[in-house]
């Protein structure tokens, strides 16, 4: 019996892949008896952050390439995302509740998986096990990991508010995607120069939920709170999530700044404030974001939250197959390994399962090379690094082109084609008996 601890994306991906290969798996999770501070859905595979699963085009977006690599290897998470997606232009956004239900149904209906509601309080010894408890690991297990692995590292992560569709003032908004791609996937909320400057001024000065101390080098750049971005300069948001480039209304008007809202569910009843992750107190969120004309009467279905994420010093403790150097039968998966992002976490769970399956048969692991994103992430968590920090999928971590290609679009396409060609061969090698 293989233990998998944690039924987030990484744990579910690992458990399903192991069971599908004929192994008996016992999947542990505290749900539905308890929830972490960032969870509320009884289903597994819950997306805490309301952002999408990022880009879906493998030839222009590294996370899109990672998704395609995972599709080729039979990923449950990517299958669930494809089945529950909502329109979001070139991004793979999902209905979060349908997505979690899809994964939960797959886990509960899999005959090889036994689900146990319970909390692991220490690392097992001498057992086949995958620890995938995530960055909000329960206190007892987190303390045991800290004691046995010499301490942990951390950063802060944030999510954005969600508002009701019916409360958006469409007289101050319009539908459309940037440069006309994707149809009417987004609601765009334009601001004049005066409106934008007032919003930024109030955003920077608003009261925050956590003290400013956490901002001293502890924020992951991919989830930077809007107020921290705004404090870096008046135009920072305007060159970031409030970028107006490529957005015009039906009359062809251009705008000084534009906040985009993205569908949060398939029914289109809830919209996420794109790029507005925040650490503001709830009352301040309503006050400040209501300064945006289209949101002046907005009903907030969920406020943005910030929480501390903990990860281990993986290069010191993990091999490239995600197993513990001191106990090769114990694997770690998910964000606690130092891969950052939902898709990246699921990818690590899939890799753990594939490597464990080969070890169970007495075969050496087949670690993917860094010509693909799966391999580059494997290298990141295991390669010596005195300044180890979380890493998400990006073309910069792939092995460079054999011959330099100056044009970025052409370079990304080359890297993607090289990766997918490699994955076809990797798939044959890793599943070879």
Protein backbone atom coordinates (compact mmCIF):
# COMPACT_ATOMS: atom_id res chain seq x y z
CA UNK A 1 0.00 0.00 0.00
CA UNK A 2 1.36 3.43 -1.00
CA UNK A 3 0.56 6.44 1.13
CA UNK A 4 -0.15 9.80 -0.46
CA UNK A 5 -0.60 12.60 2.08
CA UNK A 6 -2.55 15.59 0.80
CA UNK A 7 -5.37 15.71 -1.75
CA UNK A 8 -4.49 18.92 -3.52
CA UNK A 9 -3.48 18.95 -7.17
CA UNK A 10 -0.13 17.24 -6.60
CA UNK A 11 -1.51 14.55 -4.31
CA UNK A 12 -4.51 13.75 -6.49
CA UNK A 13 -2.35 13.64 -9.61
CA UNK A 14 0.09 11.25 -7.93
CA UNK A 15 -2.58 9.01 -6.37
CA UNK A 16 -4.53 8.68 -9.61
CA UNK A 17 -1.44 7.89 -11.71
CA UNK A 18 -0.31 5.22 -9.22
CA UNK A 19 -3.75 3.60 -9.00
CA UNK A 20 -4.21 3.69 -12.76
CA UNK A 21 -0.97 1.70 -13.02
CA UNK A 22 -2.38 -0.99 -10.72
CA UNK A 23 -1.02 0.12 -7.34
CA UNK A 24 -3.11 0.30 -4.17
CA UNK A 25 -3.09 3.82 -2.74
CA UNK A 26 -4.26 5.26 0.55
CA UNK A 27 -4.88 9.00 0.11
CA UNK A 28 -4.94 11.06 3.31
CA UNK A 29 -6.47 14.51 3.67
CA UNK A 30 -8.00 16.56 6.50
CA UNK A 31 -11.07 17.33 4.40
CA UNK A 32 -13.97 17.39 4.96
CA UNK A 33 -13.46 17.34 8.74
CA UNK A 34 -11.09 20.32 8.68
CA UNK A 35 -9.85 22.99 6.29
CA UNK A 36 -6.66 25.01 6.04
CA UNK A 37 -7.02 28.81 6.39
CA UNK A 38 -7.09 29.10 2.58
CA UNK A 39 -9.60 26.34 1.77
CA UNK A 40 -13.40 26.18 1.93
CA UNK A 41 -14.54 23.55 -0.60
CA UNK A 42 -15.08 19.98 0.65
CA UNK A 43 -13.85 18.64 -2.69
CA UNK A 44 -10.22 17.79 -3.43
CA UNK A 45 -8.04 19.69 -5.89
CA UNK A 46 -9.37 23.05 -4.73
CA UNK A 47 -7.91 26.10 -6.44
CA UNK A 48 -7.34 28.61 -3.67
CA UNK A 49 -6.22 31.41 -5.95
CA UNK A 50 -8.88 32.46 -8.41
CA UNK A 51 -6.37 33.12 -11.16
CA UNK A 52 -6.55 30.89 -14.22
CA UNK A 53 -4.13 28.05 -14.83
CA UNK A 54 -2.28 30.51 -17.08
CA UNK A 55 -1.68 30.26 -20.81
CA UNK A 56 -2.67 27.27 -22.88
CA UNK A 57 -0.67 27.76 -26.10
CA UNK A 58 2.44 25.55 -25.92
CA UNK A 59 4.26 27.58 -28.57
CA UNK A 60 4.06 30.97 -26.87
CA UNK A 61 3.62 30.21 -23.15
CA UNK A 62 5.83 27.95 -21.05
CA UNK A 63 2.97 26.93 -18.76
CA UNK A 64 0.97 26.05 -21.86
CA UNK A 65 3.91 23.89 -22.95
CA UNK A 66 3.98 22.21 -19.53
CA UNK A 67 0.26 21.45 -19.84
CA UNK A 68 0.82 19.80 -23.20
CA UNK A 69 3.70 17.73 -21.80
CA UNK A 70 1.36 16.59 -19.02
CA UNK A 71 -1.45 15.80 -21.47
CA UNK A 72 0.94 13.50 -23.29
CA UNK A 73 1.61 11.66 -20.02
CA UNK A 74 -2.08 11.26 -19.10
CA UNK A 75 -2.49 13.99 -16.46
CA UNK A 76 -5.75 13.91 -14.48
CA UNK A 77 -5.47 17.60 -13.56
CA UNK A 78 -5.12 18.78 -17.14
CA UNK A 79 -7.98 16.51 -18.22
CA UNK A 80 -10.12 18.08 -15.48
CA UNK A 81 -9.12 21.58 -16.58
CA UNK A 82 -9.93 20.89 -20.22
CA UNK A 83 -13.34 19.50 -19.21
CA UNK A 84 -14.31 22.44 -16.98
CA UNK A 85 -12.74 25.41 -18.74
CA UNK A 86 -14.44 28.77 -19.06
CA UNK A 87 -13.68 31.35 -21.79
CA UNK A 88 -10.55 33.37 -21.04
CA UNK A 89 -8.88 34.14 -24.36
CA UNK A 90 -5.59 32.29 -24.60
CA UNK A 91 -5.61 31.24 -20.94
CA UNK A 92 -6.90 27.96 -19.53
CA UNK A 93 -9.34 29.21 -16.91
CA UNK A 94 -11.74 26.83 -15.20
CA UNK A 95 -14.92 26.82 -13.17
CA UNK A 96 -13.19 26.20 -9.84
CA UNK A 97 -16.02 24.22 -8.23
CA UNK A 98 -16.64 22.03 -11.27
CA UNK A 99 -12.89 21.49 -11.58
CA UNK A 100 -12.58 20.32 -7.96
CA UNK A 101 -15.66 18.12 -8.31
CA UNK A 102 -14.27 16.51 -11.47
CA UNK A 103 -11.04 15.60 -9.68
CA UNK A 104 -12.86 14.40 -6.55
CA UNK A 105 -15.22 12.21 -8.57
CA UNK A 106 -12.26 10.67 -10.40
CA UNK A 107 -10.49 9.92 -7.11
CA UNK A 108 -13.54 8.50 -5.33
CA UNK A 109 -14.53 6.32 -8.28
CA UNK A 110 -11.04 4.86 -8.74
CA UNK A 111 -11.05 1.32 -7.29
CA UNK A 112 -7.35 1.42 -6.37
CA UNK A 113 -7.66 4.49 -4.10
CA UNK A 114 -8.81 4.42 -0.48
CA UNK A 115 -9.50 7.91 0.88
CA UNK A 116 -8.81 8.48 4.58
CA UNK A 117 -9.92 11.63 6.38
CA UNK A 118 -7.11 12.26 8.80
CA UNK A 119 -3.99 14.24 9.57
CA UNK A 120 -0.42 12.99 9.29
CA UNK A 121 1.66 14.39 12.14
CA UNK A 122 5.11 13.10 11.16
CA UNK A 123 7.12 11.89 8.20
CA UNK A 124 6.92 8.12 7.76
CA UNK A 125 10.08 6.04 7.81
CA UNK A 126 10.77 3.09 5.52
CA UNK A 127 7.41 3.33 3.71
CA UNK A 128 6.48 4.14 0.15
CA UNK A 129 4.94 7.57 0.59
CA UNK A 130 4.43 10.88 -1.21
CA UNK A 131 4.09 14.01 0.93
CA UNK A 132 1.96 16.51 -1.00
CA UNK A 133 0.47 18.57 1.81
CA UNK A 134 1.18 21.89 0.20
CA UNK A 135 2.51 25.17 1.55
CA UNK A 136 -0.12 25.26 4.31
CA UNK A 137 0.90 21.93 5.84
CA UNK A 138 -0.69 21.27 9.24
CA UNK A 139 1.40 22.37 12.22
CA UNK A 140 2.51 18.98 13.58
CA UNK A 141 3.73 17.64 10.23
CA UNK A 142 5.29 20.99 9.34
CA UNK A 143 7.24 20.93 12.59
CA UNK A 144 8.42 17.36 11.97
CA UNK A 145 9.57 18.34 8.47
CA UNK A 146 11.36 21.35 9.94
CA UNK A 147 13.16 19.24 12.53
CA UNK A 148 14.19 16.48 10.13
CA UNK A 149 15.09 18.66 7.15
CA UNK A 150 16.77 21.46 9.03
CA UNK A 151 14.14 24.16 8.74
CA UNK A 152 11.98 25.56 5.99
CA UNK A 153 11.81 28.63 3.81
CA UNK A 154 8.77 30.73 3.04
CA UNK A 155 7.16 33.43 0.92
CA UNK A 156 3.78 35.12 0.87
CA UNK A 157 1.08 34.39 -1.68
CA UNK A 158 -2.13 36.30 -2.41
CA UNK A 159 -5.43 35.99 -4.26
CA UNK A 160 -7.75 38.56 -5.84
CA UNK A 161 -11.35 39.56 -5.00
CA UNK A 162 -14.37 38.16 -6.85
CA UNK A 163 -17.45 40.26 -7.62
CA UNK A 164 -20.99 39.47 -8.71
CA UNK A 165 -21.69 39.86 -12.45
CA UNK A 166 -25.02 41.55 -11.79
CA UNK A 167 -23.38 44.25 -9.66
CA UNK A 168 -20.95 45.42 -12.38
CA UNK A 169 -22.01 48.75 -13.89
CA UNK A 170 -21.80 48.01 -17.61
CA UNK A 171 -22.39 51.67 -18.48
CA UNK A 172 -18.74 52.09 -17.41
CA UNK A 173 -17.46 48.79 -18.87
CA UNK A 174 -17.33 46.82 -22.09
CA UNK A 175 -16.71 43.24 -23.22
CA UNK A 176 -13.65 42.23 -25.21
CA UNK A 177 -10.23 40.62 -25.14
CA UNK A 178 -6.92 42.32 -25.83
CA UNK A 179 -6.38 42.98 -29.57
CA UNK A 180 -9.77 41.38 -30.24
CA UNK A 181 -8.56 37.86 -29.46
CA UNK A 182 -10.90 35.50 -27.65
CA UNK A 183 -14.19 37.32 -28.27
CA UNK A 184 -16.03 38.62 -25.22
CA UNK A 185 -14.16 36.66 -22.59
CA UNK A 186 -13.35 39.67 -20.39
CA UNK A 187 -15.24 42.62 -18.96
CA UNK A 188 -13.04 45.71 -19.23
CA UNK A 189 -13.31 48.51 -16.69
CA UNK A 190 -11.64 51.68 -18.05
CA UNK A 191 -10.32 54.55 -15.95
CA UNK A 192 -9.43 58.12 -16.86
CA UNK A 193 -6.13 59.59 -15.73
CA UNK A 194 -7.83 61.27 -12.76
CA UNK A 195 -9.73 58.13 -11.77
CA UNK A 196 -6.61 56.00 -12.03
CA UNK A 197 -4.47 58.38 -9.97
CA UNK A 198 -7.13 58.53 -7.24
CA UNK A 199 -7.39 54.74 -7.19
CA UNK A 200 -3.61 54.30 -6.92
CA UNK A 201 -3.35 56.93 -4.19
CA UNK A 202 -6.05 55.26 -2.08
CA UNK A 203 -4.71 51.77 -2.81
CA UNK A 204 -1.23 52.62 -1.57
CA UNK A 205 -2.55 54.32 1.55
CA UNK A 206 -5.15 51.70 2.49
CA UNK A 207 -4.92 49.64 5.67
CA UNK A 208 -3.46 46.17 5.22
CA UNK A 209 -4.30 42.86 6.87
CA UNK A 210 -0.71 41.75 7.42
CA UNK A 211 2.09 44.09 8.56
CA UNK A 212 4.45 45.65 6.03
CA UNK A 213 7.30 43.51 7.35
CA UNK A 214 6.37 40.61 5.05
CA UNK A 215 7.23 42.75 2.03
CA UNK A 216 10.95 42.64 2.74
CA UNK A 217 11.96 40.13 0.10
CA UNK A 218 9.26 37.58 1.01
CA UNK A 219 6.71 38.15 -1.77
CA UNK A 220 6.61 35.81 -4.74
CA UNK A 221 6.73 38.03 -7.83
CA UNK A 222 4.06 36.01 -9.64
CA UNK A 223 1.45 36.92 -7.00
CA UNK A 224 2.50 40.46 -6.12
CA UNK A 225 -0.27 42.32 -4.22
CA UNK A 226 -1.66 45.23 -6.22
CA UNK A 227 -0.88 47.71 -3.44
CA UNK A 228 2.78 46.61 -3.37
CA UNK A 229 3.03 47.05 -7.15
CA UNK A 230 1.38 50.48 -6.93
CA UNK A 231 3.81 51.59 -4.23
CA UNK A 232 6.71 51.00 -6.62
CA UNK A 233 5.55 53.83 -8.85
CA UNK A 234 2.40 55.55 -10.05
CA UNK A 235 2.51 53.87 -13.47
CA UNK A 236 3.48 50.35 -12.32
CA UNK A 237 -0.09 49.04 -12.48
CA UNK A 238 -0.65 50.82 -15.80
CA UNK A 239 2.25 48.88 -17.29
CA UNK A 240 1.09 45.69 -15.58
CA UNK A 241 -2.41 44.35 -14.84
CA UNK A 242 -4.10 47.70 -15.68
CA UNK A 243 -2.35 47.90 -19.05
CA UNK A 244 -4.71 49.54 -21.60
CA UNK A 245 -2.77 48.44 -24.69
CA UNK A 246 -4.89 46.55 -27.21
CA UNK A 247 -8.21 47.35 -25.50
CA UNK A 248 -10.83 49.55 -27.18
CA UNK A 249 -14.58 49.83 -26.72
CA UNK A 250 -17.14 49.49 -29.53
CA UNK A 251 -16.60 53.13 -30.52
CA UNK A 252 -12.85 52.59 -30.83
CA UNK A 253 -11.94 54.66 -27.78
CA UNK A 254 -8.61 54.18 -26.05
CA UNK A 255 -8.16 54.53 -22.30
CA UNK A 256 -5.59 55.62 -19.75
CA UNK A 257 -5.86 52.40 -17.72
CA UNK A 258 -8.12 49.33 -17.78
CA UNK A 259 -8.91 46.72 -15.16
CA UNK A 260 -9.97 43.41 -16.68
CA UNK A 261 -12.49 41.06 -15.07
CA UNK A 262 -12.43 37.36 -15.95
CA UNK A 263 -15.23 34.80 -15.55
CA UNK A 264 -14.87 32.84 -12.35
CA UNK A 265 -17.42 30.15 -13.22
CA UNK A 266 -19.04 28.66 -16.31
CA UNK A 267 -22.36 30.37 -15.63
CA UNK A 268 -20.67 33.77 -15.75
CA UNK A 269 -22.22 34.85 -12.44
CA UNK A 270 -18.92 35.77 -10.80
CA UNK A 271 -15.89 37.68 -12.08
CA UNK A 272 -12.32 37.82 -10.81
CA UNK A 273 -10.39 41.11 -10.67
CA UNK A 274 -7.41 40.14 -12.84
CA UNK A 275 -4.05 40.99 -11.30
CA UNK A 276 -5.59 42.45 -8.13
CA UNK A 277 -4.17 40.06 -5.55
CA UNK A 278 -4.28 41.99 -2.32
CA UNK A 279 -3.39 42.14 1.36
CA UNK A 280 -5.89 44.89 2.20
CA UNK A 281 -8.41 44.49 4.98
CA UNK A 282 -11.81 43.43 3.66
CA UNK A 283 -13.47 46.78 4.31
CA UNK A 284 -10.62 48.58 2.59
CA UNK A 285 -10.90 46.28 -0.44
CA UNK A 286 -14.54 47.25 -0.91
CA UNK A 287 -13.78 50.95 -0.42
CA UNK A 288 -10.76 51.13 -2.73
CA UNK A 289 -11.89 48.87 -5.58
CA UNK A 290 -15.29 50.57 -5.58
CA UNK A 291 -13.46 53.70 -6.75
CA UNK A 292 -13.27 52.05 -10.17
CA UNK A 293 -16.40 53.38 -11.93
CA UNK A 294 -17.64 50.00 -13.15
CA UNK A 295 -17.32 48.62 -9.61
CA UNK A 296 -18.87 51.52 -7.69
CA UNK A 297 -21.77 49.28 -6.57
CA UNK A 298 -19.96 45.95 -6.78
CA UNK A 299 -21.04 43.06 -4.59
CA UNK A 300 -17.94 41.24 -3.36
CA UNK A 301 -18.55 37.50 -3.34
CA UNK A 302 -15.09 36.84 -1.97
CA UNK A 303 -12.37 39.19 -0.80
CA UNK A 304 -8.72 38.72 -1.63
CA UNK A 305 -6.54 37.03 0.98
CA UNK A 306 -2.85 36.59 1.65
CA UNK A 307 -1.19 33.65 3.37
CA UNK A 308 2.29 32.39 4.12
CA UNK A 309 3.58 29.53 1.96
CA UNK A 310 6.34 27.26 3.23
CA UNK A 311 8.74 25.24 1.10
CA UNK A 312 11.77 23.07 1.85
CA UNK A 313 15.35 23.53 0.73
CA UNK A 314 14.90 20.92 -1.98
CA UNK A 315 18.40 21.01 -3.56
CA UNK A 316 19.81 20.01 -0.20
CA UNK A 317 17.31 17.24 0.52
CA UNK A 318 15.72 15.97 -2.72
CA UNK A 319 17.02 14.02 -5.68
CA UNK A 320 15.94 14.90 -9.21
CA UNK A 321 13.19 12.26 -8.99
CA UNK A 322 11.66 14.21 -6.03
CA UNK A 323 12.64 11.50 -3.51
CA UNK A 324 14.35 12.23 -0.22
CA UNK A 325 18.10 11.63 -0.44
CA UNK A 326 18.14 10.08 3.03
CA UNK A 327 15.08 7.86 2.35
CA UNK A 328 14.55 7.07 -1.37
CA UNK A 329 11.07 5.64 -0.72
CA UNK A 330 9.81 8.96 0.61
CA UNK A 331 8.88 11.52 -2.06
CA UNK A 332 7.78 15.15 -1.87
CA UNK A 333 5.45 16.84 -4.37
CA UNK A 334 3.76 20.18 -4.87
CA UNK A 335 4.59 23.73 -3.89
CA UNK A 336 6.55 22.69 -0.80
CA UNK A 337 9.27 21.39 -3.15
CA UNK A 338 9.82 24.85 -4.61
CA UNK A 339 7.80 24.56 -7.81
CA UNK A 340 5.43 27.52 -7.94
CA UNK A 341 1.96 27.37 -9.44
CA UNK A 342 -0.98 25.02 -9.73
CA UNK A 343 0.13 23.36 -12.96
CA UNK A 344 3.72 23.06 -11.79
CA UNK A 345 2.56 21.45 -8.52
CA UNK A 346 0.41 18.92 -10.36
CA UNK A 347 3.36 18.19 -12.66
CA UNK A 348 5.56 17.34 -9.68
CA UNK A 349 2.91 14.92 -8.41
CA UNK A 350 2.77 13.21 -11.78
CA UNK A 351 6.56 12.91 -11.88
CA UNK A 352 6.65 11.46 -8.35
CA UNK A 353 4.19 8.76 -9.38
CA UNK A 354 6.10 7.86 -12.55
CA UNK A 355 9.41 7.66 -10.69
CA UNK A 356 7.94 5.64 -7.82
CA UNK A 357 6.36 3.15 -10.21
CA UNK A 358 9.76 2.39 -11.73
CA UNK A 359 11.43 2.10 -8.31
CA UNK A 360 8.74 -0.35 -7.19
CA UNK A 361 9.76 -2.57 -10.13
CA UNK A 362 13.44 -2.27 -9.29
CA UNK A 363 14.07 0.01 -12.27
CA UNK A 364 16.08 3.24 -12.13
CA UNK A 365 14.11 6.48 -12.50
CA UNK A 366 14.02 8.08 -15.92
CA UNK A 367 14.38 11.77 -15.10
CA UNK A 368 13.35 14.06 -17.96
CA UNK A 369 16.05 16.32 -19.37
CA UNK A 370 15.85 20.11 -19.19
CA UNK A 371 14.86 20.37 -22.85
CA UNK A 372 11.27 20.07 -21.55
CA UNK A 373 9.58 21.98 -18.74
CA UNK A 374 9.11 18.84 -16.65
CA UNK A 375 12.85 18.26 -16.81
CA UNK A 376 13.74 21.88 -16.12
CA UNK A 377 11.59 21.88 -12.97
CA UNK A 378 13.19 18.59 -11.89
CA UNK A 379 16.59 20.20 -12.29
CA UNK A 380 15.52 23.31 -10.39
CA UNK A 381 14.54 21.41 -7.24
CA UNK A 382 17.65 19.24 -7.22
CA UNK A 383 20.50 21.32 -8.65
CA UNK A 384 22.81 22.95 -6.06
CA UNK A 385 21.60 26.49 -5.36
CA UNK A 386 22.60 28.62 -2.38
CA UNK A 387 19.76 31.05 -3.10
CA UNK A 388 16.99 28.55 -3.76
CA UNK A 389 13.56 30.15 -4.29
CA UNK A 390 10.29 28.92 -5.87
CA UNK A 391 10.19 28.71 -9.65
CA UNK A 392 7.30 28.51 -12.09
CA UNK A 393 7.30 27.38 -15.71
CA UNK A 394 9.10 29.75 -18.04
CA UNK A 395 11.16 29.40 -21.19
CA UNK A 396 14.21 30.78 -19.39
CA UNK A 397 14.72 27.58 -17.38
CA UNK A 398 14.87 25.37 -20.48
CA UNK A 399 18.18 24.39 -22.02
CA UNK A 400 19.08 27.13 -24.55
CA UNK A 401 18.67 26.60 -28.28
CA UNK A 402 21.59 24.77 -29.85
CA UNK A 403 21.91 27.71 -32.26
CA UNK A 404 20.92 31.17 -30.94
CA UNK A 405 17.56 32.48 -32.25
CA UNK A 406 17.14 36.21 -31.79
CA UNK A 407 13.42 36.48 -32.55
CA UNK A 408 11.51 35.64 -29.35
CA UNK A 409 8.47 34.15 -31.07
CA UNK A 410 10.62 31.91 -33.26
CA UNK A 411 12.78 30.95 -30.27
CA UNK A 412 9.76 29.94 -28.16
CA UNK A 413 8.31 27.91 -31.03
CA UNK A 414 11.62 26.10 -31.48
CA UNK A 415 11.89 25.34 -27.75
CA UNK A 416 8.30 24.07 -27.68
CA UNK A 417 8.74 21.79 -30.69
CA UNK A 418 11.99 20.43 -29.28
CA UNK A 419 10.26 19.78 -25.95
CA UNK A 420 7.26 17.97 -27.44
CA UNK A 421 9.51 15.84 -29.66
CA UNK A 422 11.48 14.91 -26.56
CA UNK A 423 8.34 14.12 -24.53
CA UNK A 424 7.18 11.63 -27.16
CA UNK A 425 10.39 9.66 -26.62
CA UNK A 426 10.30 10.16 -22.85
CA UNK A 427 6.79 8.73 -22.73
CA UNK A 428 7.96 5.55 -24.44
CA UNK A 429 10.96 5.24 -22.12
CA UNK A 430 9.17 5.88 -18.83
CA UNK A 431 6.30 3.50 -19.54
CA UNK A 432 8.54 0.75 -20.92
CA UNK A 433 8.27 -2.40 -18.78
